[in-house]
Structure formats: C-alpha cells, structure tokens
N, C-alpha and C. Protein backbone atom coordinates (compact mmCIF):
# COMPACT_ATOMS: atom_id res chain seq x y z
N UNK A 1 151.16 159.63 139.91
CA UNK A 1 151.34 158.18 140.10
C UNK A 1 150.04 157.43 139.83
N UNK A 2 148.93 158.00 140.28
CA UNK A 2 147.64 157.33 140.14
C UNK A 2 147.18 157.30 138.70
N UNK A 3 147.41 158.38 137.95
CA UNK A 3 146.92 158.47 136.57
C UNK A 3 147.54 157.42 135.66
N UNK A 4 148.88 157.17 135.69
CA UNK A 4 149.46 156.09 134.86
C UNK A 4 148.86 154.74 135.15
N UNK A 5 148.57 154.48 136.45
CA UNK A 5 147.97 153.19 136.80
C UNK A 5 146.58 153.07 136.20
N UNK A 6 145.79 154.17 136.23
CA UNK A 6 144.45 154.15 135.66
C UNK A 6 144.51 153.95 134.16
N UNK A 7 145.51 154.59 133.53
CA UNK A 7 145.68 154.45 132.08
C UNK A 7 146.01 153.01 131.71
N UNK A 8 146.85 152.35 132.54
CA UNK A 8 147.23 150.96 132.27
C UNK A 8 146.01 150.05 132.38
N UNK A 9 145.19 150.25 133.44
CA UNK A 9 143.97 149.45 133.62
C UNK A 9 143.02 149.67 132.46
N UNK A 10 142.89 150.94 132.04
CA UNK A 10 142.00 151.27 130.93
C UNK A 10 142.43 150.59 129.65
N UNK A 11 143.72 150.59 129.38
CA UNK A 11 144.24 149.94 128.16
C UNK A 11 144.00 148.44 128.19
N UNK A 12 144.20 147.83 129.34
CA UNK A 12 143.96 146.39 129.47
C UNK A 12 142.48 146.07 129.25
N UNK A 13 141.59 146.90 129.77
CA UNK A 13 140.15 146.68 129.60
C UNK A 13 139.77 146.77 128.14
N UNK A 14 140.37 147.78 127.45
CA UNK A 14 140.08 147.94 126.03
C UNK A 14 140.52 146.73 125.23
N UNK A 15 141.72 146.20 125.55
CA UNK A 15 142.24 145.02 124.85
C UNK A 15 141.35 143.80 125.12
N UNK A 16 140.91 143.67 126.37
CA UNK A 16 140.05 142.54 126.73
C UNK A 16 138.72 142.61 125.99
N UNK A 17 138.12 143.80 125.94
CA UNK A 17 136.86 143.99 125.24
C UNK A 17 137.01 143.73 123.75
N UNK A 18 138.14 144.16 123.20
CA UNK A 18 138.39 143.94 121.77
C UNK A 18 138.53 142.45 121.47
N UNK A 19 139.23 141.74 122.37
CA UNK A 19 139.40 140.30 122.17
C UNK A 19 138.06 139.58 122.24
N UNK A 20 137.20 140.00 123.18
CA UNK A 20 135.88 139.40 123.29
C UNK A 20 135.05 139.65 122.05
N UNK A 21 135.15 140.86 121.53
CA UNK A 21 134.39 141.20 120.33
C UNK A 21 134.83 140.36 119.14
N UNK A 22 136.14 140.19 118.99
CA UNK A 22 136.66 139.37 117.89
C UNK A 22 136.24 137.92 118.04
N UNK A 23 136.29 137.42 119.30
CA UNK A 23 135.89 136.03 119.55
C UNK A 23 134.42 135.82 119.22
N UNK A 24 133.58 136.75 119.64
CA UNK A 24 132.14 136.65 119.36
C UNK A 24 131.87 136.71 117.88
N UNK A 25 132.57 137.59 117.19
CA UNK A 25 132.40 137.71 115.74
C UNK A 25 132.80 136.43 115.05
N UNK A 26 133.88 135.79 115.58
CA UNK A 26 134.33 134.53 114.98
C UNK A 26 133.30 133.44 115.13
N UNK A 27 132.66 133.38 116.31
CA UNK A 27 131.62 132.37 116.53
C UNK A 27 130.44 132.61 115.62
N UNK A 28 130.05 133.88 115.48
CA UNK A 28 128.89 134.19 114.66
C UNK A 28 129.18 133.94 113.19
N UNK A 29 130.44 134.06 112.80
CA UNK A 29 130.79 133.87 111.39
C UNK A 29 130.94 132.40 111.02
N UNK A 30 131.04 131.52 112.04
CA UNK A 30 131.19 130.09 111.77
C UNK A 30 129.91 129.55 111.17
N UNK A 31 129.99 128.96 109.99
CA UNK A 31 128.77 128.47 109.34
C UNK A 31 128.14 127.32 110.12
N UNK A 32 126.81 127.28 110.16
CA UNK A 32 126.10 126.21 110.86
C UNK A 32 126.24 124.90 110.10
N UNK A 33 126.35 123.81 110.84
CA UNK A 33 126.46 122.50 110.21
C UNK A 33 125.11 122.12 109.63
N UNK A 34 125.08 121.83 108.36
CA UNK A 34 123.82 121.53 107.70
C UNK A 34 123.54 120.04 107.72
N UNK A 35 122.28 119.70 107.56
CA UNK A 35 121.89 118.29 107.49
C UNK A 35 122.38 117.71 106.17
N UNK A 36 122.57 116.39 106.14
CA UNK A 36 123.06 115.71 104.95
C UNK A 36 121.90 115.22 104.09
N UNK A 37 122.06 115.34 102.78
CA UNK A 37 121.06 114.87 101.82
C UNK A 37 121.50 113.54 101.23
N UNK A 38 120.54 112.63 101.06
CA UNK A 38 120.82 111.28 100.57
C UNK A 38 119.92 110.94 99.38
N UNK A 39 120.45 110.13 98.49
CA UNK A 39 119.67 109.56 97.39
C UNK A 39 119.37 108.11 97.73
N UNK A 40 118.12 107.71 97.65
CA UNK A 40 117.75 106.33 97.96
C UNK A 40 118.39 105.40 96.94
N UNK A 41 119.06 104.36 97.43
CA UNK A 41 119.84 103.47 96.56
C UNK A 41 118.95 102.37 95.96
N UNK A 42 118.13 102.76 95.01
CA UNK A 42 117.33 101.76 94.29
C UNK A 42 118.15 101.10 93.19
N UNK A 43 119.14 101.82 92.66
CA UNK A 43 119.97 101.25 91.59
C UNK A 43 120.72 100.02 92.08
N UNK A 44 121.21 100.06 93.31
CA UNK A 44 121.92 98.92 93.87
C UNK A 44 120.99 97.94 94.56
N UNK A 45 119.68 98.17 94.45
CA UNK A 45 118.67 97.30 95.08
C UNK A 45 118.90 97.18 96.58
N UNK A 46 119.13 98.34 97.21
CA UNK A 46 119.28 98.38 98.66
C UNK A 46 118.12 99.14 99.30
N UNK A 47 116.98 99.12 98.62
CA UNK A 47 115.78 99.74 99.15
C UNK A 47 114.57 98.96 98.64
N UNK A 48 113.55 98.82 99.48
CA UNK A 48 112.40 97.99 99.12
C UNK A 48 111.11 98.61 99.66
N UNK A 49 110.04 98.48 98.89
CA UNK A 49 108.69 98.80 99.35
C UNK A 49 107.86 97.54 99.17
N UNK A 50 107.48 96.93 100.28
CA UNK A 50 106.77 95.66 100.25
C UNK A 50 105.43 95.79 100.97
N UNK A 51 104.53 94.88 100.66
CA UNK A 51 103.22 94.92 101.31
C UNK A 51 102.70 93.50 101.51
N UNK A 52 101.69 93.39 102.36
CA UNK A 52 100.98 92.13 102.49
C UNK A 52 99.53 92.41 102.87
N UNK A 53 98.65 91.55 102.40
CA UNK A 53 97.22 91.68 102.65
C UNK A 53 96.63 90.28 102.77
N UNK A 54 95.66 90.11 103.62
CA UNK A 54 95.08 88.78 103.83
C UNK A 54 94.20 88.39 102.65
N UNK A 55 94.29 87.12 102.27
CA UNK A 55 93.47 86.58 101.19
C UNK A 55 92.39 85.68 101.78
N UNK A 56 91.16 86.19 101.78
CA UNK A 56 89.99 85.45 102.28
C UNK A 56 90.09 85.11 103.76
N UNK A 57 91.10 85.69 104.43
CA UNK A 57 91.30 85.38 105.83
C UNK A 57 92.02 84.07 106.05
N UNK A 58 92.50 83.44 104.97
CA UNK A 58 93.14 82.12 105.08
C UNK A 58 94.66 82.19 105.00
N UNK A 59 95.18 83.23 104.34
CA UNK A 59 96.63 83.33 104.17
C UNK A 59 97.00 84.78 103.86
N UNK A 60 98.31 85.03 103.79
CA UNK A 60 98.81 86.35 103.45
C UNK A 60 99.24 86.38 101.99
N UNK A 61 98.85 87.43 101.28
CA UNK A 61 99.32 87.67 99.93
C UNK A 61 100.40 88.75 100.02
N UNK A 62 101.60 88.41 99.54
CA UNK A 62 102.73 89.32 99.62
C UNK A 62 103.03 89.93 98.26
N UNK A 63 103.59 91.14 98.27
CA UNK A 63 103.99 91.78 97.03
C UNK A 63 104.93 92.94 97.29
N UNK A 64 105.29 93.63 96.22
CA UNK A 64 106.19 94.77 96.34
C UNK A 64 106.03 95.68 95.12
N UNK A 65 106.62 96.86 95.22
CA UNK A 65 106.71 97.77 94.08
C UNK A 65 108.18 97.81 93.66
N UNK A 66 108.42 97.41 92.43
CA UNK A 66 109.80 97.26 91.97
C UNK A 66 110.46 98.58 91.57
N UNK A 67 109.66 99.57 91.21
CA UNK A 67 110.23 100.82 90.71
C UNK A 67 109.78 102.00 91.58
N UNK A 68 110.74 102.68 92.16
CA UNK A 68 110.48 103.90 92.92
C UNK A 68 111.78 104.68 93.05
N UNK A 69 111.68 105.93 93.43
CA UNK A 69 112.86 106.78 93.59
C UNK A 69 112.57 107.87 94.60
N UNK A 70 113.63 108.45 95.11
CA UNK A 70 113.44 109.53 96.07
C UNK A 70 114.72 109.84 96.82
N UNK A 71 114.57 110.67 97.82
CA UNK A 71 115.71 111.05 98.63
C UNK A 71 115.27 111.50 100.00
N UNK A 72 116.23 111.64 100.90
CA UNK A 72 115.89 112.09 102.25
C UNK A 72 117.01 112.95 102.82
N UNK A 73 116.66 113.70 103.83
CA UNK A 73 117.61 114.53 104.58
C UNK A 73 117.66 113.99 106.00
N UNK A 74 118.88 113.82 106.51
CA UNK A 74 119.02 113.26 107.85
C UNK A 74 120.04 114.05 108.65
N UNK A 75 119.64 114.48 109.83
CA UNK A 75 120.51 115.18 110.77
C UNK A 75 120.35 114.53 112.13
N UNK A 76 121.36 113.81 112.55
CA UNK A 76 121.27 113.05 113.81
C UNK A 76 121.09 113.97 115.02
N UNK A 77 121.67 115.17 114.97
CA UNK A 77 121.62 116.08 116.11
C UNK A 77 120.38 116.98 116.10
N UNK A 78 119.78 117.16 114.95
CA UNK A 78 118.61 118.02 114.85
C UNK A 78 117.52 117.31 114.04
N UNK A 79 116.73 116.45 114.68
CA UNK A 79 115.70 115.67 113.99
C UNK A 79 114.66 116.52 113.26
N UNK A 80 114.52 117.78 113.65
CA UNK A 80 113.53 118.62 112.99
C UNK A 80 113.85 118.85 111.52
N UNK A 81 115.11 118.59 111.13
CA UNK A 81 115.52 118.75 109.74
C UNK A 81 115.29 117.50 108.90
N UNK A 82 114.95 116.39 109.55
CA UNK A 82 114.79 115.12 108.84
C UNK A 82 113.53 115.12 107.98
N UNK A 83 113.68 114.67 106.74
CA UNK A 83 112.54 114.62 105.83
C UNK A 83 112.83 113.64 104.69
N UNK A 84 111.76 113.23 104.00
CA UNK A 84 111.90 112.28 102.89
C UNK A 84 110.79 112.51 101.88
N UNK A 85 111.11 112.21 100.63
CA UNK A 85 110.12 112.26 99.55
C UNK A 85 110.36 111.06 98.65
N UNK A 86 109.28 110.31 98.35
CA UNK A 86 109.40 109.09 97.54
C UNK A 86 108.30 109.06 96.49
N UNK A 87 108.68 108.78 95.25
CA UNK A 87 107.73 108.58 94.15
C UNK A 87 107.72 107.11 93.77
N UNK A 88 106.53 106.53 93.66
CA UNK A 88 106.37 105.10 93.39
C UNK A 88 105.68 104.89 92.05
N UNK A 89 106.25 104.03 91.22
CA UNK A 89 105.61 103.63 89.96
C UNK A 89 104.64 102.49 90.28
N UNK A 90 103.34 102.81 90.32
CA UNK A 90 102.35 101.82 90.72
C UNK A 90 102.27 100.67 89.71
N UNK A 91 102.62 100.95 88.46
CA UNK A 91 102.64 99.90 87.44
C UNK A 91 103.63 98.79 87.77
N UNK A 92 104.58 99.09 88.62
CA UNK A 92 105.62 98.11 88.94
C UNK A 92 105.19 97.13 90.03
N UNK A 93 103.91 97.13 90.40
CA UNK A 93 103.44 96.20 91.42
C UNK A 93 103.76 94.77 91.02
N UNK A 94 104.23 94.00 91.99
CA UNK A 94 104.69 92.64 91.70
C UNK A 94 104.28 91.72 92.86
N UNK A 95 103.26 90.88 92.61
CA UNK A 95 102.81 89.93 93.62
C UNK A 95 103.24 88.51 93.26
N UNK A 96 104.20 88.43 92.34
CA UNK A 96 104.76 87.15 91.89
C UNK A 96 103.73 86.28 91.17
N UNK A 97 102.76 86.97 90.54
CA UNK A 97 101.75 86.26 89.75
C UNK A 97 101.28 87.23 88.67
N UNK A 98 101.73 87.02 87.43
CA UNK A 98 101.52 87.97 86.34
C UNK A 98 100.04 88.27 86.09
N UNK A 99 99.20 87.25 86.10
CA UNK A 99 97.78 87.47 85.82
C UNK A 99 97.12 88.29 86.92
N UNK A 100 97.47 88.01 88.17
CA UNK A 100 96.93 88.79 89.29
C UNK A 100 97.39 90.24 89.21
N UNK A 101 98.65 90.44 88.87
CA UNK A 101 99.18 91.80 88.76
C UNK A 101 98.45 92.58 87.67
N UNK A 102 98.09 91.90 86.61
CA UNK A 102 97.33 92.54 85.53
C UNK A 102 95.99 93.03 86.05
N UNK A 103 95.32 92.21 86.85
CA UNK A 103 94.04 92.61 87.44
C UNK A 103 94.22 93.78 88.41
N UNK A 104 95.29 93.73 89.20
CA UNK A 104 95.53 94.78 90.18
C UNK A 104 95.78 96.13 89.51
N UNK A 105 96.36 96.12 88.32
CA UNK A 105 96.62 97.36 87.58
C UNK A 105 95.36 97.88 86.89
N UNK A 106 94.33 97.05 86.78
CA UNK A 106 93.11 97.40 86.05
C UNK A 106 92.24 98.42 86.75
N UNK A 107 91.16 98.82 86.05
CA UNK A 107 90.28 99.88 86.55
C UNK A 107 89.55 99.51 87.83
N UNK A 108 89.32 98.22 88.05
CA UNK A 108 88.59 97.81 89.26
C UNK A 108 89.46 97.94 90.52
N UNK A 109 90.76 98.07 90.31
CA UNK A 109 91.65 98.12 91.47
C UNK A 109 92.48 99.42 91.44
N UNK A 110 93.76 99.33 91.08
CA UNK A 110 94.63 100.50 91.15
C UNK A 110 94.44 101.48 89.99
N UNK A 111 93.90 101.00 88.88
CA UNK A 111 93.65 101.84 87.71
C UNK A 111 94.91 102.65 87.36
N UNK A 112 95.97 101.94 87.05
CA UNK A 112 97.26 102.60 86.84
C UNK A 112 97.31 103.46 85.58
N UNK A 113 96.39 103.26 84.64
CA UNK A 113 96.34 104.15 83.48
C UNK A 113 95.98 105.57 83.91
N UNK A 114 95.06 105.67 84.85
CA UNK A 114 94.63 106.98 85.34
C UNK A 114 95.50 107.49 86.48
N UNK A 115 96.02 106.57 87.29
CA UNK A 115 96.82 106.95 88.47
C UNK A 115 98.12 106.15 88.49
N UNK A 116 99.07 106.49 87.61
CA UNK A 116 100.30 105.69 87.49
C UNK A 116 101.30 105.88 88.63
N UNK A 117 101.13 106.94 89.42
CA UNK A 117 102.11 107.24 90.45
C UNK A 117 101.47 107.32 91.84
N UNK A 118 102.24 106.89 92.82
CA UNK A 118 101.92 107.13 94.23
C UNK A 118 103.07 107.95 94.80
N UNK A 119 102.79 108.65 95.88
CA UNK A 119 103.83 109.55 96.40
C UNK A 119 103.69 109.71 97.91
N UNK A 120 104.85 109.78 98.57
CA UNK A 120 104.87 110.11 100.00
C UNK A 120 105.80 111.29 100.22
N UNK A 121 105.31 112.30 100.93
CA UNK A 121 106.12 113.47 101.29
C UNK A 121 105.96 113.69 102.80
N UNK A 122 107.07 113.63 103.53
CA UNK A 122 107.00 113.78 104.97
C UNK A 122 106.75 115.22 105.38
N UNK A 123 106.16 115.38 106.55
CA UNK A 123 105.90 116.71 107.11
C UNK A 123 106.53 116.89 108.49
N UNK A 124 106.82 115.77 109.17
CA UNK A 124 107.37 115.88 110.53
C UNK A 124 108.03 114.57 110.92
N UNK A 125 109.17 114.70 111.61
CA UNK A 125 109.91 113.55 112.13
C UNK A 125 109.94 113.70 113.66
N UNK A 126 109.26 112.78 114.34
CA UNK A 126 109.11 112.89 115.80
C UNK A 126 109.84 111.73 116.48
N UNK A 127 110.99 111.96 117.12
CA UNK A 127 111.71 110.88 117.80
C UNK A 127 110.87 110.25 118.90
N UNK A 128 110.94 108.92 118.99
CA UNK A 128 110.24 108.18 120.04
C UNK A 128 111.20 107.36 120.89
N UNK A 129 112.48 107.36 120.52
CA UNK A 129 113.51 106.61 121.22
C UNK A 129 114.87 106.96 120.64
N UNK A 130 115.91 106.24 121.07
CA UNK A 130 117.26 106.52 120.58
C UNK A 130 117.37 106.33 119.07
N UNK A 131 116.71 105.30 118.54
CA UNK A 131 116.80 105.00 117.12
C UNK A 131 115.44 104.89 116.44
N UNK A 132 114.40 105.33 117.11
CA UNK A 132 113.05 105.19 116.56
C UNK A 132 112.37 106.55 116.47
N UNK A 133 111.39 106.62 115.57
CA UNK A 133 110.66 107.88 115.38
C UNK A 133 109.34 107.61 114.68
N UNK A 134 108.44 108.57 114.79
CA UNK A 134 107.21 108.58 114.00
C UNK A 134 107.42 109.57 112.86
N UNK A 135 107.36 109.06 111.64
CA UNK A 135 107.52 109.90 110.46
C UNK A 135 106.14 110.21 109.90
N UNK A 136 105.74 111.46 110.03
CA UNK A 136 104.41 111.87 109.58
C UNK A 136 104.51 112.52 108.20
N UNK A 137 103.45 112.34 107.41
CA UNK A 137 103.45 112.93 106.09
C UNK A 137 102.18 112.65 105.33
N UNK A 138 102.19 113.00 104.06
CA UNK A 138 101.03 112.82 103.18
C UNK A 138 101.32 111.75 102.13
N UNK A 139 100.42 110.78 102.03
CA UNK A 139 100.56 109.69 101.08
C UNK A 139 99.46 109.79 100.04
N UNK A 140 99.88 109.80 98.78
CA UNK A 140 98.93 109.88 97.67
C UNK A 140 98.88 108.56 96.94
N UNK A 141 97.68 107.99 96.80
CA UNK A 141 97.47 106.73 96.10
C UNK A 141 96.10 106.77 95.44
N UNK A 142 96.04 106.32 94.19
CA UNK A 142 94.76 106.26 93.48
C UNK A 142 94.10 107.64 93.41
N UNK A 143 94.93 108.69 93.35
CA UNK A 143 94.44 110.04 93.24
C UNK A 143 93.95 110.66 94.53
N UNK A 144 94.13 109.96 95.65
CA UNK A 144 93.66 110.44 96.95
C UNK A 144 94.86 110.65 97.87
N UNK A 145 94.89 111.77 98.57
CA UNK A 145 95.98 112.08 99.49
C UNK A 145 95.46 112.07 100.92
N UNK A 146 96.17 111.30 101.77
CA UNK A 146 95.78 111.18 103.17
C UNK A 146 97.02 111.30 104.07
N UNK A 147 96.86 111.86 105.27
CA UNK A 147 97.98 111.89 106.21
C UNK A 147 98.22 110.50 106.80
N UNK A 148 99.46 110.12 106.92
CA UNK A 148 99.82 108.82 107.51
C UNK A 148 100.99 109.01 108.47
N UNK A 149 101.22 108.01 109.30
CA UNK A 149 102.38 108.00 110.20
C UNK A 149 103.10 106.67 110.04
N UNK A 150 104.40 106.76 109.74
CA UNK A 150 105.23 105.57 109.57
C UNK A 150 106.11 105.40 110.80
N UNK A 151 106.10 104.22 111.37
CA UNK A 151 106.99 103.92 112.50
C UNK A 151 108.37 103.60 111.95
N UNK A 152 109.35 104.44 112.33
CA UNK A 152 110.68 104.37 111.74
C UNK A 152 111.71 103.86 112.74
N UNK A 153 112.64 103.05 112.23
CA UNK A 153 113.81 102.66 113.02
C UNK A 153 115.07 102.97 112.21
N UNK A 154 116.00 103.68 112.83
CA UNK A 154 117.29 103.96 112.19
C UNK A 154 118.19 102.73 112.36
N UNK A 155 118.47 102.05 111.26
CA UNK A 155 119.25 100.81 111.33
C UNK A 155 120.73 101.10 111.56
N UNK A 156 121.27 102.12 110.87
CA UNK A 156 122.67 102.47 111.05
C UNK A 156 123.19 103.34 109.93
N UNK A 157 124.42 103.81 110.10
CA UNK A 157 125.04 104.65 109.08
C UNK A 157 126.54 104.62 109.19
N UNK A 158 127.22 104.95 108.09
CA UNK A 158 128.68 104.98 108.09
C UNK A 158 129.24 104.89 106.68
N UNK A 159 130.55 104.77 106.59
CA UNK A 159 131.22 104.70 105.30
C UNK A 159 130.97 103.35 104.63
N UNK A 160 130.91 103.36 103.30
CA UNK A 160 130.77 102.11 102.55
C UNK A 160 132.10 101.77 101.87
N UNK A 161 132.24 100.58 101.29
CA UNK A 161 133.52 100.17 100.67
C UNK A 161 133.88 100.92 99.40
N UNK A 162 132.98 101.79 98.91
CA UNK A 162 133.21 102.47 97.63
C UNK A 162 133.49 103.95 97.81
N UNK A 163 133.81 104.35 99.02
CA UNK A 163 134.17 105.74 99.28
C UNK A 163 133.00 106.65 99.58
N UNK A 164 131.83 106.08 99.74
CA UNK A 164 130.64 106.87 100.05
C UNK A 164 130.25 106.77 101.50
N UNK A 165 129.15 107.39 101.83
CA UNK A 165 128.62 107.35 103.19
C UNK A 165 127.13 107.07 103.10
N UNK A 166 126.63 106.17 103.94
CA UNK A 166 125.26 105.71 103.85
C UNK A 166 124.53 105.78 105.20
N UNK A 167 123.22 105.87 105.11
CA UNK A 167 122.35 105.73 106.28
C UNK A 167 121.14 104.91 105.87
N UNK A 168 120.70 104.04 106.78
CA UNK A 168 119.59 103.16 106.45
C UNK A 168 118.50 103.15 107.50
N UNK A 169 117.27 103.01 107.03
CA UNK A 169 116.10 103.03 107.91
C UNK A 169 115.12 101.94 107.50
N UNK A 170 114.28 101.56 108.47
CA UNK A 170 113.21 100.62 108.20
C UNK A 170 111.92 101.22 108.75
N UNK A 171 110.82 101.00 108.04
CA UNK A 171 109.56 101.56 108.49
C UNK A 171 108.41 100.61 108.25
N UNK A 172 107.33 100.81 108.98
CA UNK A 172 106.14 100.00 108.78
C UNK A 172 104.90 100.82 109.13
N UNK A 173 103.80 100.48 108.47
CA UNK A 173 102.53 101.14 108.73
C UNK A 173 101.41 100.28 108.17
N UNK A 174 100.20 100.60 108.55
CA UNK A 174 99.01 99.92 108.04
C UNK A 174 98.06 100.97 107.48
N UNK A 175 97.55 100.73 106.28
CA UNK A 175 96.58 101.64 105.67
C UNK A 175 95.31 100.89 105.32
N UNK A 176 94.24 101.63 105.14
CA UNK A 176 92.97 101.05 104.71
C UNK A 176 92.74 101.43 103.25
N UNK A 177 92.74 100.46 102.34
CA UNK A 177 92.54 100.75 100.92
C UNK A 177 91.27 101.56 100.65
N UNK A 178 90.22 101.33 101.44
CA UNK A 178 88.97 102.05 101.24
C UNK A 178 89.14 103.56 101.40
N UNK A 179 90.12 103.98 102.21
CA UNK A 179 90.39 105.41 102.39
C UNK A 179 90.87 106.05 101.09
N UNK A 180 91.37 105.22 100.19
CA UNK A 180 91.91 105.71 98.92
C UNK A 180 91.00 105.32 97.74
N UNK A 181 89.77 104.98 98.05
CA UNK A 181 88.82 104.63 97.00
C UNK A 181 89.03 103.26 96.42
N UNK A 182 89.71 102.37 97.16
CA UNK A 182 89.98 101.01 96.70
C UNK A 182 89.19 100.03 97.55
N UNK A 183 88.26 99.34 96.95
CA UNK A 183 87.45 98.36 97.68
C UNK A 183 87.94 96.96 97.32
N UNK A 184 88.73 96.39 98.22
CA UNK A 184 89.33 95.08 97.96
C UNK A 184 88.59 93.94 98.64
N UNK A 185 87.71 94.26 99.58
CA UNK A 185 87.06 93.21 100.36
C UNK A 185 86.11 92.35 99.52
N UNK A 186 85.58 92.91 98.42
CA UNK A 186 84.68 92.12 97.57
C UNK A 186 85.41 90.97 96.89
N UNK A 187 86.69 91.18 96.60
CA UNK A 187 87.47 90.13 95.92
C UNK A 187 88.30 89.29 96.88
N UNK A 188 88.78 89.93 97.96
CA UNK A 188 89.70 89.23 98.85
C UNK A 188 89.11 88.88 100.20
N UNK A 189 87.87 89.31 100.45
CA UNK A 189 87.23 88.98 101.71
C UNK A 189 87.33 90.13 102.72
N UNK A 190 86.49 90.09 103.77
CA UNK A 190 86.45 91.16 104.78
C UNK A 190 87.79 91.43 105.45
N UNK A 191 88.62 90.41 105.57
CA UNK A 191 89.91 90.59 106.24
C UNK A 191 90.89 91.43 105.41
N UNK A 192 90.51 91.73 104.16
CA UNK A 192 91.38 92.52 103.28
C UNK A 192 91.09 94.02 103.42
N UNK A 193 90.54 94.42 104.54
CA UNK A 193 90.22 95.83 104.74
C UNK A 193 91.45 96.65 105.08
N UNK A 194 92.56 95.98 105.37
CA UNK A 194 93.80 96.67 105.71
C UNK A 194 94.97 96.08 104.93
N UNK A 195 95.94 96.93 104.62
CA UNK A 195 97.18 96.50 103.96
C UNK A 195 98.35 96.93 104.83
N UNK A 196 99.26 96.01 105.08
CA UNK A 196 100.47 96.33 105.83
C UNK A 196 101.59 96.65 104.85
N UNK A 197 102.29 97.76 105.11
CA UNK A 197 103.41 98.18 104.26
C UNK A 197 104.70 98.12 105.05
N UNK A 198 105.75 97.65 104.38
CA UNK A 198 107.08 97.54 104.99
C UNK A 198 108.09 98.26 104.09
N UNK A 199 108.85 99.16 104.68
CA UNK A 199 109.79 99.96 103.92
C UNK A 199 111.21 99.73 104.41
N UNK A 200 112.11 99.53 103.49
CA UNK A 200 113.53 99.43 103.83
C UNK A 200 114.27 100.39 102.90
N UNK A 201 114.87 101.41 103.51
CA UNK A 201 115.48 102.49 102.72
C UNK A 201 116.92 102.69 103.11
N UNK A 202 117.83 102.53 102.15
CA UNK A 202 119.24 102.83 102.35
C UNK A 202 119.62 103.95 101.39
N UNK A 203 120.20 105.01 101.92
CA UNK A 203 120.53 106.15 101.09
C UNK A 203 122.02 106.41 101.04
N UNK A 204 122.47 106.92 99.89
CA UNK A 204 123.87 107.31 99.70
C UNK A 204 123.96 108.82 99.81
N UNK A 205 124.85 109.29 100.66
CA UNK A 205 124.97 110.74 100.86
C UNK A 205 125.49 111.42 99.60
N UNK A 206 124.86 112.55 99.27
CA UNK A 206 125.30 113.31 98.11
C UNK A 206 126.65 113.96 98.41
N UNK A 207 127.48 114.04 97.39
CA UNK A 207 128.82 114.62 97.59
C UNK A 207 128.80 116.11 97.27
C-alpha cells in the first residue's frame, strides 16, 4: 500500500520539476528587448544646432549650423544604452550675415578648409530627473577633441502622422572657444570667451 503512494508522489515531483525546467528554459529563450535606433530628422528640418556669443559685451550674436547628420539610440527603461553621434558641416555656419560668415570660415577663425567637420560622440547618459540627463561625450572642433557634458531634456515621443515613431530631445551647454584653439576675444571682446550652444533633436525610429 505504501509503495504505490510513494510512486505517485515521485511521479508528481518529476512532472513538477519538468514543468519548472521548461518554464525556465522558455524565459531564458525569450529575446531581450533591444533599444531603438533613430535617425535625426534633418531632412524635415526638425532638428537644429544653434549658438550665441556676446558681441563686445553689448549684444548677443546668434547663429546656427545648417548642415549636420547623425543618429541616436534611446531606451527609456535602460538609460545605459542611450547614445548619440552627430557630424556637423562647419562650412554651413549661418549668422545671417554673409560677409561675417565668410570671415568665420577663414583661417583666423574656424579655418574650414583645414577643419571642415565637427563631431560629437557620446560616452555616457546619466539621468538627473524623470526627463532630464547629463549627456557626456567627446566634441571635436577645429581639430581639437575635448570632453563635454550636455544638459538634456526628453521632450517627448510617440507615433507621427506618417506611420513612423519619433522621440525628441533638447540640450544646452557652454564651451570656451580658446579650448579648441579659437581666439575670438580679440575681435568680439573679452565677453566672447564663451559660446552657448542649443540643440534640438527629433529622431525617426528606424524600421
């Protein structure tokens, strides 16, 4: 009488262990959710790189770079996967004054013949709030590469009217042109020792 009961318990234990093994295998076989990759929407003019610098301490001189491209990876649940890379055509500088832009492209300033491109490649995304973060990385300008930190705000994300999915961010930082071998204070005054940069980036998720 006792042996059949033991056999029944043993069979149930074996079935339970087998079910657990199958369940565990199923979990392990489930592919991890990957971060989404985005292309910066410069074609639709939904991304901007703008700057401002003081002129003689009397006013602000505003400008932008009209040509740039890049992409980013964004994972809302795992910020460690977030990253971005942007290439900037320095020749596309636009301060809304053709003669000034010609000077800025010259050898005394940006020297775009020798250094036609600027580049930013992120190295770390550090959340500072629900929608804010410090985006750290390396910025190359005028042939010089320096580490910088961009203060980032996630503006929002979701489906667009054309069947795509988008995410948008805004960033700001201040750099010193002298760190990149650019001495602007002789022409623009002592207050031109810093340049403020403003970034607005909207990306379309790759399909």
